[in-house]
Amino acid sequence: LVALAGCGADGAPIRPVANLGLTVNQNGQLATSCNVGGTNGT
């Protein structure tokens, strides 16, 4: 437990991240994209 506390195991919580995209090209076709995940800063 002391070793885990010393290495930062109780560090910052993981923050959820989501990126959603919608694009329309010259022919009127739609393209979607999405990206989900998490980050703790590092």
PDB file of all heavy atoms in Angstrom:
ATOM      1  N   LEU A   1       0.818  -1.205   0.000  1.00  0.00           N
ATOM      2  CA  LEU A   1       0.000   0.000   0.000  1.00  0.00           C
ATOM      3  C   LEU A   1       0.856   1.261   0.000  1.00  0.00           C
ATOM      4  O   LEU A   1       0.553   2.238  -0.685  1.00  0.00           O
ATOM      5  CB  LEU A   1      -0.945   0.001   1.205  1.00  0.00           C
ATOM      6  CG  LEU A   1      -2.088  -1.006   1.137  1.00  0.00           C
ATOM      7  CD1 LEU A   1      -2.871  -1.007   2.444  1.00  0.00           C
ATOM      8  CD2 LEU A   1      -2.995  -0.715  -0.037  1.00  0.00           C
ATOM      9  N   VAL A   2       1.953   1.247   0.748  1.00  0.00           N
ATOM     10  CA  VAL A   2       2.851   2.400   0.775  1.00  0.00           C
ATOM     11  C   VAL A   2       3.496   2.593  -0.599  1.00  0.00           C
ATOM     12  O   VAL A   2       3.617   3.722  -1.088  1.00  0.00           O
ATOM     13  CB  VAL A   2       3.918   2.224   1.874  1.00  0.00           C
ATOM     14  CG1 VAL A   2       5.019   3.251   1.743  1.00  0.00           C
ATOM     15  CG2 VAL A   2       3.282   2.294   3.246  1.00  0.00           C
ATOM     16  N   ALA A   3       3.879   1.515  -1.253  1.00  0.00           N
ATOM     17  CA  ALA A   3       4.491   1.615  -2.574  1.00  0.00           C
ATOM     18  C   ALA A   3       3.485   2.149  -3.602  1.00  0.00           C
ATOM     19  O   ALA A   3       3.837   2.987  -4.439  1.00  0.00           O
ATOM     20  CB  ALA A   3       5.028   0.260  -3.012  1.00  0.00           C
ATOM     21  N   LEU A   4       2.242   1.694  -3.546  1.00  0.00           N
ATOM     22  CA  LEU A   4       1.221   2.191  -4.473  1.00  0.00           C
ATOM     23  C   LEU A   4       0.938   3.666  -4.248  1.00  0.00           C
ATOM     24  O   LEU A   4       0.777   4.432  -5.199  1.00  0.00           O
ATOM     25  CB  LEU A   4      -0.065   1.382  -4.323  1.00  0.00           C
ATOM     26  CG  LEU A   4      -0.062  -0.003  -4.950  1.00  0.00           C
ATOM     27  CD1 LEU A   4      -1.351  -0.735  -4.612  1.00  0.00           C
ATOM     28  CD2 LEU A   4       0.114   0.085  -6.440  1.00  0.00           C
ATOM     29  N   ALA A   5       0.870   4.090  -3.008  1.00  0.00           N
ATOM     30  CA  ALA A   5       0.633   5.500  -2.712  1.00  0.00           C
ATOM     31  C   ALA A   5       1.816   6.351  -3.168  1.00  0.00           C
ATOM     32  O   ALA A   5       1.641   7.476  -3.629  1.00  0.00           O
ATOM     33  CB  ALA A   5       0.385   5.685  -1.222  1.00  0.00           C
ATOM     34  N   GLY A   6       3.016   5.822  -3.069  1.00  0.00           N
ATOM     35  CA  GLY A   6       4.211   6.557  -3.463  1.00  0.00           C
ATOM     36  C   GLY A   6       4.345   6.729  -4.962  1.00  0.00           C
ATOM     37  O   GLY A   6       4.932   7.696  -5.435  1.00  0.00           O
ATOM     38  N   CYS A   7       3.795   5.821  -5.755  1.00  0.00           N
ATOM     39  CA  CYS A   7       3.951   5.918  -7.203  1.00  0.00           C
ATOM     40  C   CYS A   7       2.791   6.645  -7.867  1.00  0.00           C
ATOM     41  O   CYS A   7       2.719   6.724  -9.082  1.00  0.00           O
ATOM     42  CB  CYS A   7       4.145   4.530  -7.819  1.00  0.00           C
ATOM     43  SG  CYS A   7       2.637   3.554  -7.882  1.00  0.00           S
ATOM     44  N   GLY A   8       1.866   7.161  -7.102  1.00  0.00           N
ATOM     45  CA  GLY A   8       0.772   7.939  -7.669  1.00  0.00           C
ATOM     46  C   GLY A   8      -0.434   7.123  -8.056  1.00  0.00           C
ATOM     47  O   GLY A   8      -1.237   7.570  -8.868  1.00  0.00           O
ATOM     48  N   ALA A   9      -0.614   5.953  -7.505  1.00  0.00           N
ATOM     49  CA  ALA A   9      -1.767   5.131  -7.836  1.00  0.00           C
ATOM     50  C   ALA A   9      -3.071   5.785  -7.392  1.00  0.00           C
ATOM     51  O   ALA A   9      -4.128   5.464  -7.904  1.00  0.00           O
ATOM     52  CB  ALA A   9      -1.638   3.745  -7.207  1.00  0.00           C
ATOM     53  N   ASP A  10      -2.992   6.700  -6.458  1.00  0.00           N
ATOM     54  CA  ASP A  10      -4.186   7.408  -6.011  1.00  0.00           C
ATOM     55  C   ASP A  10      -4.242   8.806  -6.620  1.00  0.00           C
ATOM     56  O   ASP A  10      -4.779   9.731  -6.036  1.00  0.00           O
ATOM     57  CB  ASP A  10      -4.217   7.489  -4.495  1.00  0.00           C
ATOM     58  CG  ASP A  10      -3.015   8.233  -3.925  1.00  0.00           C
ATOM     59  OD1 ASP A  10      -2.042   8.417  -4.670  1.00  0.00           O
ATOM     60  OD2 ASP A  10      -3.055   8.610  -2.756  1.00  0.00           O
ATOM     61  N   GLY A  11      -3.718   8.950  -7.808  1.00  0.00           N
ATOM     62  CA  GLY A  11      -3.599  10.248  -8.476  1.00  0.00           C
ATOM     63  C   GLY A  11      -4.918  10.761  -9.014  1.00  0.00           C
ATOM     64  O   GLY A  11      -6.000  10.387  -8.572  1.00  0.00           O
ATOM     65  N   ALA A  12      -4.825  11.628  -9.988  1.00  0.00           N
ATOM     66  CA  ALA A  12      -5.989  12.300 -10.551  1.00  0.00           C
ATOM     67  C   ALA A  12      -6.949  11.300 -11.191  1.00  0.00           C
ATOM     68  O   ALA A  12      -6.521  10.306 -11.776  1.00  0.00           O
ATOM     69  CB  ALA A  12      -5.530  13.307 -11.598  1.00  0.00           C
ATOM     70  N   PRO A  13      -8.251  11.563 -11.083  1.00  0.00           N
ATOM     71  CA  PRO A  13      -9.227  10.657 -11.698  1.00  0.00           C
ATOM     72  C   PRO A  13      -9.217  10.786 -13.213  1.00  0.00           C
ATOM     73  O   PRO A  13      -8.770  11.801 -13.768  1.00  0.00           O
ATOM     74  CB  PRO A  13     -10.564  11.144 -11.133  1.00  0.00           C
ATOM     75  CG  PRO A  13     -10.324  12.567 -10.778  1.00  0.00           C
ATOM     76  CD  PRO A  13      -8.886  12.657 -10.370  1.00  0.00           C
ATOM     77  N   ILE A  14      -9.711   9.773 -13.872  1.00  0.00           N
ATOM     78  CA  ILE A  14      -9.773   9.770 -15.328  1.00  0.00           C
ATOM     79  C   ILE A  14     -11.002  10.565 -15.770  1.00  0.00           C
ATOM     80  O   ILE A  14     -12.110  10.307 -15.311  1.00  0.00           O
ATOM     81  CB  ILE A  14      -9.809   8.337 -15.879  1.00  0.00           C
ATOM     82  CG1 ILE A  14      -8.500   7.641 -15.538  1.00  0.00           C
ATOM     83  CG2 ILE A  14     -10.056   8.337 -17.376  1.00  0.00           C
ATOM     84  CD1 ILE A  14      -8.429   6.209 -15.961  1.00  0.00           C
ATOM     85  N   ARG A  15     -10.790  11.545 -16.649  1.00  0.00           N
ATOM     86  CA  ARG A  15     -11.856  12.394 -17.154  1.00  0.00           C
ATOM     87  C   ARG A  15     -12.287  11.876 -18.522  1.00  0.00           C
ATOM     88  O   ARG A  15     -11.451  11.696 -19.410  1.00  0.00           O
ATOM     89  CB  ARG A  15     -11.337  13.824 -17.268  1.00  0.00           C
ATOM     90  CG  ARG A  15     -12.361  14.835 -17.696  1.00  0.00           C
ATOM     91  CD  ARG A  15     -11.803  16.249 -17.618  1.00  0.00           C
ATOM     92  NE  ARG A  15     -10.403  16.323 -17.983  1.00  0.00           N
ATOM     93  CZ  ARG A  15      -9.956  16.884 -19.102  1.00  0.00           C
ATOM     94  NH1 ARG A  15     -10.796  17.418 -19.946  1.00  0.00           N
ATOM     95  NH2 ARG A  15      -8.668  16.916 -19.366  1.00  0.00           N
ATOM     96  N   PRO A  16     -13.581  11.631 -18.730  1.00  0.00           N
ATOM     97  CA  PRO A  16     -14.030  11.141 -20.038  1.00  0.00           C
ATOM     98  C   PRO A  16     -13.920  12.223 -21.108  1.00  0.00           C
ATOM     99  O   PRO A  16     -14.095  13.410 -20.833  1.00  0.00           O
ATOM    100  CB  PRO A  16     -15.489  10.760 -19.799  1.00  0.00           C
ATOM    101  CG  PRO A  16     -15.899  11.492 -18.586  1.00  0.00           C
ATOM    102  CD  PRO A  16     -14.677  11.747 -17.773  1.00  0.00           C
ATOM    103  N   VAL A  17     -13.619  11.788 -22.338  1.00  0.00           N
ATOM    104  CA  VAL A  17     -13.472  12.694 -23.479  1.00  0.00           C
ATOM    105  C   VAL A  17     -14.249  12.104 -24.652  1.00  0.00           C
ATOM    106  O   VAL A  17     -14.183  10.907 -24.904  1.00  0.00           O
ATOM    107  CB  VAL A  17     -11.983  12.846 -23.859  1.00  0.00           C
ATOM    108  CG1 VAL A  17     -11.827  13.724 -25.084  1.00  0.00           C
ATOM    109  CG2 VAL A  17     -11.195  13.402 -22.704  1.00  0.00           C
ATOM    110  N   ALA A  18     -14.989  12.959 -25.368  1.00  0.00           N
ATOM    111  CA  ALA A  18     -15.714  12.508 -26.562  1.00  0.00           C
ATOM    112  C   ALA A  18     -15.629  13.587 -27.631  1.00  0.00           C
ATOM    113  O   ALA A  18     -15.791  14.774 -27.341  1.00  0.00           O
ATOM    114  CB  ALA A  18     -17.170  12.216 -26.230  1.00  0.00           C
ATOM    115  N   ASN A  19     -15.346  13.183 -28.856  1.00  0.00           N
ATOM    116  CA  ASN A  19     -15.322  14.078 -30.011  1.00  0.00           C
ATOM    117  C   ASN A  19     -16.245  13.489 -31.067  1.00  0.00           C
ATOM    118  O   ASN A  19     -16.074  12.355 -31.493  1.00  0.00           O
ATOM    119  CB  ASN A  19     -13.911  14.219 -30.581  1.00  0.00           C
ATOM    120  CG  ASN A  19     -12.970  14.891 -29.623  1.00  0.00           C
ATOM    121  OD1 ASN A  19     -13.330  15.876 -29.000  1.00  0.00           O
ATOM    122  ND2 ASN A  19     -11.775  14.353 -29.489  1.00  0.00           N
ATOM    123  N   LEU A  20     -17.209  14.277 -31.500  1.00  0.00           N
ATOM    124  CA  LEU A  20     -18.151  13.848 -32.528  1.00  0.00           C
ATOM    125  C   LEU A  20     -18.052  14.793 -33.707  1.00  0.00           C
ATOM    126  O   LEU A  20     -17.900  16.001 -33.525  1.00  0.00           O
ATOM    127  CB  LEU A  20     -19.581  13.853 -31.978  1.00  0.00           C
ATOM    128  CG  LEU A  20     -19.812  13.012 -30.724  1.00  0.00           C
ATOM    129  CD1 LEU A  20     -21.217  13.239 -30.210  1.00  0.00           C
ATOM    130  CD2 LEU A  20     -19.572  11.554 -31.014  1.00  0.00           C
ATOM    131  N   GLY A  21     -18.140  14.251 -34.929  1.00  0.00           N
ATOM    132  CA  GLY A  21     -18.018  15.091 -36.115  1.00  0.00           C
ATOM    133  C   GLY A  21     -19.017  14.712 -37.192  1.00  0.00           C
ATOM    134  O   GLY A  21     -19.408  13.552 -37.319  1.00  0.00           O
ATOM    135  N   LEU A  22     -19.431  15.706 -37.949  1.00  0.00           N
ATOM    136  CA  LEU A  22     -20.326  15.511 -39.078  1.00  0.00           C
ATOM    137  C   LEU A  22     -19.856  16.437 -40.190  1.00  0.00           C
ATOM    138  O   LEU A  22     -19.734  17.647 -40.000  1.00  0.00           O
ATOM    139  CB  LEU A  22     -21.768  15.852 -38.683  1.00  0.00           C
ATOM    140  CG  LEU A  22     -22.812  15.748 -39.778  1.00  0.00           C
ATOM    141  CD1 LEU A  22     -22.996  14.296 -40.194  1.00  0.00           C
ATOM    142  CD2 LEU A  22     -24.117  16.339 -39.307  1.00  0.00           C
ATOM    143  N   THR A  23     -19.571  15.856 -41.359  1.00  0.00           N
ATOM    144  CA  THR A  23     -19.114  16.661 -42.488  1.00  0.00           C
ATOM    145  C   THR A  23     -19.988  16.374 -43.704  1.00  0.00           C
ATOM    146  O   THR A  23     -20.531  15.278 -43.853  1.00  0.00           O
ATOM    147  CB  THR A  23     -17.646  16.364 -42.851  1.00  0.00           C
ATOM    148  OG1 THR A  23     -17.508  14.968 -43.122  1.00  0.00           O
ATOM    149  CG2 THR A  23     -16.720  16.751 -41.730  1.00  0.00           C
ATOM    150  N   VAL A  24     -20.118  17.374 -44.554  1.00  0.00           N
ATOM    151  CA  VAL A  24     -20.869  17.259 -45.808  1.00  0.00           C
ATOM    152  C   VAL A  24     -19.917  17.620 -46.937  1.00  0.00           C
ATOM    153  O   VAL A  24     -19.322  18.697 -46.930  1.00  0.00           O
ATOM    154  CB  VAL A  24     -22.089  18.211 -45.816  1.00  0.00           C
ATOM    155  CG1 VAL A  24     -22.859  18.079 -47.113  1.00  0.00           C
ATOM    156  CG2 VAL A  24     -22.984  17.956 -44.618  1.00  0.00           C
ATOM    157  N   ASN A  25     -19.766  16.715 -47.913  1.00  0.00           N
ATOM    158  CA  ASN A  25     -18.863  17.010 -49.034  1.00  0.00           C
ATOM    159  C   ASN A  25     -19.614  17.737 -50.156  1.00  0.00           C
ATOM    160  O   ASN A  25     -20.798  18.036 -50.032  1.00  0.00           O
ATOM    161  CB  ASN A  25     -18.163  15.736 -49.530  1.00  0.00           C
ATOM    162  CG  ASN A  25     -19.111  14.760 -50.188  1.00  0.00           C
ATOM    163  OD1 ASN A  25     -20.267  15.053 -50.434  1.00  0.00           O
ATOM    164  ND2 ASN A  25     -18.607  13.574 -50.482  1.00  0.00           N
ATOM    165  N   GLN A  26     -18.944  18.002 -51.260  1.00  0.00           N
ATOM    166  CA  GLN A  26     -19.525  18.774 -52.362  1.00  0.00           C
ATOM    167  C   GLN A  26     -20.680  18.051 -53.038  1.00  0.00           C
ATOM    168  O   GLN A  26     -21.542  18.683 -53.636  1.00  0.00           O
ATOM    169  CB  GLN A  26     -18.448  19.096 -53.388  1.00  0.00           C
ATOM    170  CG  GLN A  26     -17.388  20.032 -52.859  1.00  0.00           C
ATOM    171  CD  GLN A  26     -16.264  20.239 -53.861  1.00  0.00           C
ATOM    172  OE1 GLN A  26     -16.151  19.525 -54.842  1.00  0.00           O
ATOM    173  NE2 GLN A  26     -15.425  21.228 -53.594  1.00  0.00           N
ATOM    174  N   ASN A  27     -20.704  16.733 -52.955  1.00  0.00           N
ATOM    175  CA  ASN A  27     -21.786  15.952 -53.573  1.00  0.00           C
ATOM    176  C   ASN A  27     -22.985  15.802 -52.645  1.00  0.00           C
ATOM    177  O   ASN A  27     -23.955  15.147 -52.998  1.00  0.00           O
ATOM    178  CB  ASN A  27     -21.283  14.564 -53.958  1.00  0.00           C
ATOM    179  CG  ASN A  27     -20.198  14.626 -55.014  1.00  0.00           C
ATOM    180  OD1 ASN A  27     -20.198  15.527 -55.849  1.00  0.00           O
ATOM    181  ND2 ASN A  27     -19.280  13.683 -54.966  1.00  0.00           N
ATOM    182  N   GLY A  28     -22.937  16.373 -51.460  1.00  0.00           N
ATOM    183  CA  GLY A  28     -24.052  16.281 -50.518  1.00  0.00           C
ATOM    184  C   GLY A  28     -24.024  15.042 -49.656  1.00  0.00           C
ATOM    185  O   GLY A  28     -24.988  14.759 -48.952  1.00  0.00           O
ATOM    186  N   GLN A  29     -22.946  14.276 -49.712  1.00  0.00           N
ATOM    187  CA  GLN A  29     -22.845  13.073 -48.893  1.00  0.00           C
ATOM    188  C   GLN A  29     -22.399  13.445 -47.481  1.00  0.00           C
ATOM    189  O   GLN A  29     -21.561  14.321 -47.287  1.00  0.00           O
ATOM    190  CB  GLN A  29     -21.852  12.088 -49.505  1.00  0.00           C
ATOM    191  CG  GLN A  29     -22.290  11.572 -50.851  1.00  0.00           C
ATOM    192  CD  GLN A  29     -21.211  10.694 -51.484  1.00  0.00           C
ATOM    193  OE1 GLN A  29     -20.033  10.887 -51.231  1.00  0.00           O
ATOM    194  NE2 GLN A  29     -21.635   9.757 -52.319  1.00  0.00           N
ATOM    195  N   LEU A  30     -22.968  12.754 -46.510  1.00  0.00           N
ATOM    196  CA  LEU A  30     -22.637  12.990 -45.110  1.00  0.00           C
ATOM    197  C   LEU A  30     -21.602  11.971 -44.637  1.00  0.00           C
ATOM    198  O   LEU A  30     -21.655  10.800 -45.007  1.00  0.00           O
ATOM    199  CB  LEU A  30     -23.878  12.863 -44.217  1.00  0.00           C
ATOM    200  CG  LEU A  30     -24.984  13.883 -44.430  1.00  0.00           C
ATOM    201  CD1 LEU A  30     -26.183  13.537 -43.574  1.00  0.00           C
ATOM    202  CD2 LEU A  30     -24.483  15.271 -44.109  1.00  0.00           C
ATOM    203  N   ALA A  31     -20.682  12.420 -43.826  1.00  0.00           N
ATOM    204  CA  ALA A  31     -19.699  11.529 -43.199  1.00  0.00           C
ATOM    205  C   ALA A  31     -19.667  11.850 -41.699  1.00  0.00           C
ATOM    206  O   ALA A  31     -19.631  13.019 -41.311  1.00  0.00           O
ATOM    207  CB  ALA A  31     -18.325  11.725 -43.812  1.00  0.00           C
ATOM    208  N   THR A  32     -19.718  10.822 -40.892  1.00  0.00           N
ATOM    209  CA  THR A  32     -19.686  11.020 -39.446  1.00  0.00           C
ATOM    210  C   THR A  32     -18.401  10.431 -38.880  1.00  0.00           C
ATOM    211  O   THR A  32     -17.806   9.524 -39.457  1.00  0.00           O
ATOM    212  CB  THR A  32     -20.896  10.352 -38.763  1.00  0.00           C
ATOM    213  OG1 THR A  32     -20.866   8.955 -39.047  1.00  0.00           O
ATOM    214  CG2 THR A  32     -22.199  10.941 -39.253  1.00  0.00           C
ATOM    215  N   SER A  33     -18.008  10.943 -37.741  1.00  0.00           N
ATOM    216  CA  SER A  33     -16.854  10.400 -37.036  1.00  0.00           C
ATOM    217  C   SER A  33     -17.085  10.562 -35.539  1.00  0.00           C
ATOM    218  O   SER A  33     -17.797  11.472 -35.107  1.00  0.00           O
ATOM    219  CB  SER A  33     -15.568  11.109 -37.457  1.00  0.00           C
ATOM    220  OG  SER A  33     -15.632  12.470 -37.100  1.00  0.00           O
ATOM    221  N   CYS A  34     -16.494   9.674 -34.768  1.00  0.00           N
ATOM    222  CA  CYS A  34     -16.572   9.810 -33.325  1.00  0.00           C
ATOM    223  C   CYS A  34     -15.315   9.221 -32.693  1.00  0.00           C
ATOM    224  O   CYS A  34     -14.671   8.344 -33.259  1.00  0.00           O
ATOM    225  CB  CYS A  34     -17.826   9.180 -32.750  1.00  0.00           C
ATOM    226  SG  CYS A  34     -17.797   7.409 -32.561  1.00  0.00           S
ATOM    227  N   ASN A  35     -14.963   9.761 -31.560  1.00  0.00           N
ATOM    228  CA  ASN A  35     -13.778   9.350 -30.834  1.00  0.00           C
ATOM    229  C   ASN A  35     -14.094   9.485 -29.356  1.00  0.00           C
ATOM    230  O   ASN A  35     -14.470  10.564 -28.897  1.00  0.00           O
ATOM    231  CB  ASN A  35     -12.602  10.244 -31.232  1.00  0.00           C
ATOM    232  CG  ASN A  35     -11.282   9.734 -30.761  1.00  0.00           C
ATOM    233  OD1 ASN A  35     -11.207   8.701 -30.118  1.00  0.00           O
ATOM    234  ND2 ASN A  35     -10.234  10.456 -31.069  1.00  0.00           N
ATOM    235  N   VAL A  36     -13.997   8.400 -28.598  1.00  0.00           N
ATOM    236  CA  VAL A  36     -14.283   8.430 -27.159  1.00  0.00           C
ATOM    237  C   VAL A  36     -13.083   7.893 -26.405  1.00  0.00           C
ATOM    238  O   VAL A  36     -12.290   7.118 -26.932  1.00  0.00           O
ATOM    239  CB  VAL A  36     -15.547   7.613 -26.809  1.00  0.00           C
ATOM    240  CG1 VAL A  36     -16.784   8.230 -27.411  1.00  0.00           C
ATOM    241  CG2 VAL A  36     -15.409   6.171 -27.238  1.00  0.00           C
ATOM    242  N   GLY A  37     -12.951   8.306 -25.175  1.00  0.00           N
ATOM    243  CA  GLY A  37     -11.836   7.831 -24.367  1.00  0.00           C
ATOM    244  C   GLY A  37     -11.784   8.523 -23.032  1.00  0.00           C
ATOM    245  O   GLY A  37     -12.780   9.046 -22.534  1.00  0.00           O
ATOM    246  N   GLY A  38     -10.597   8.551 -22.469  1.00  0.00           N
ATOM    247  CA  GLY A  38     -10.405   9.176 -21.174  1.00  0.00           C
ATOM    248  C   GLY A  38      -8.992   9.701 -21.033  1.00  0.00           C
ATOM    249  O   GLY A  38      -8.079   9.251 -21.713  1.00  0.00           O
ATOM    250  N   THR A  39      -8.832  10.686 -20.144  1.00  0.00           N
ATOM    251  CA  THR A  39      -7.524  11.261 -19.892  1.00  0.00           C
ATOM    252  C   THR A  39      -7.415  11.654 -18.424  1.00  0.00           C
ATOM    253  O   THR A  39      -8.417  11.965 -17.786  1.00  0.00           O
ATOM    254  CB  THR A  39      -7.263  12.489 -20.784  1.00  0.00           C
ATOM    255  OG1 THR A  39      -5.951  12.965 -20.529  1.00  0.00           O
ATOM    256  CG2 THR A  39      -8.255  13.601 -20.542  1.00  0.00           C
ATOM    257  N   ASN A  40      -6.209  11.595 -17.912  1.00  0.00           N
ATOM    258  CA  ASN A  40      -5.952  12.101 -16.557  1.00  0.00           C
ATOM    259  C   ASN A  40      -4.960  13.251 -16.601  1.00  0.00           C
ATOM    260  O   ASN A  40      -4.395  13.611 -15.587  1.00  0.00           O
ATOM    261  CB  ASN A  40      -5.480  10.983 -15.629  1.00  0.00           C
ATOM    262  CG  ASN A  40      -4.111  10.469 -15.960  1.00  0.00           C
ATOM    263  OD1 ASN A  40      -3.510  10.867 -16.960  1.00  0.00           O
ATOM    264  ND2 ASN A  40      -3.587   9.589 -15.146  1.00  0.00           N
ATOM    265  N   GLY A  41      -4.731  13.833 -17.745  1.00  0.00           N
ATOM    266  CA  GLY A  41      -3.822  14.949 -17.902  1.00  0.00           C
ATOM    267  C   GLY A  41      -2.485  14.512 -18.462  1.00  0.00           C
ATOM    268  O   GLY A  41      -1.900  15.184 -19.290  1.00  0.00           O
ATOM    269  N   THR A  42      -1.986  13.387 -18.029  1.00  0.00           N
ATOM    270  CA  THR A  42      -0.695  12.877 -18.488  1.00  0.00           C
ATOM    271  C   THR A  42      -0.872  11.827 -19.571  1.00  0.00           C
ATOM    272  O   THR A  42      -0.170  11.827 -20.580  1.00  0.00           O
ATOM    273  CB  THR A  42       0.087  12.259 -17.315  1.00  0.00           C
ATOM    274  OG1 THR A  42       0.189  13.230 -16.274  1.00  0.00           O
ATOM    275  CG2 THR A  42       1.459  11.819 -17.748  1.00  0.00           C
TER     276      THR A  42
END
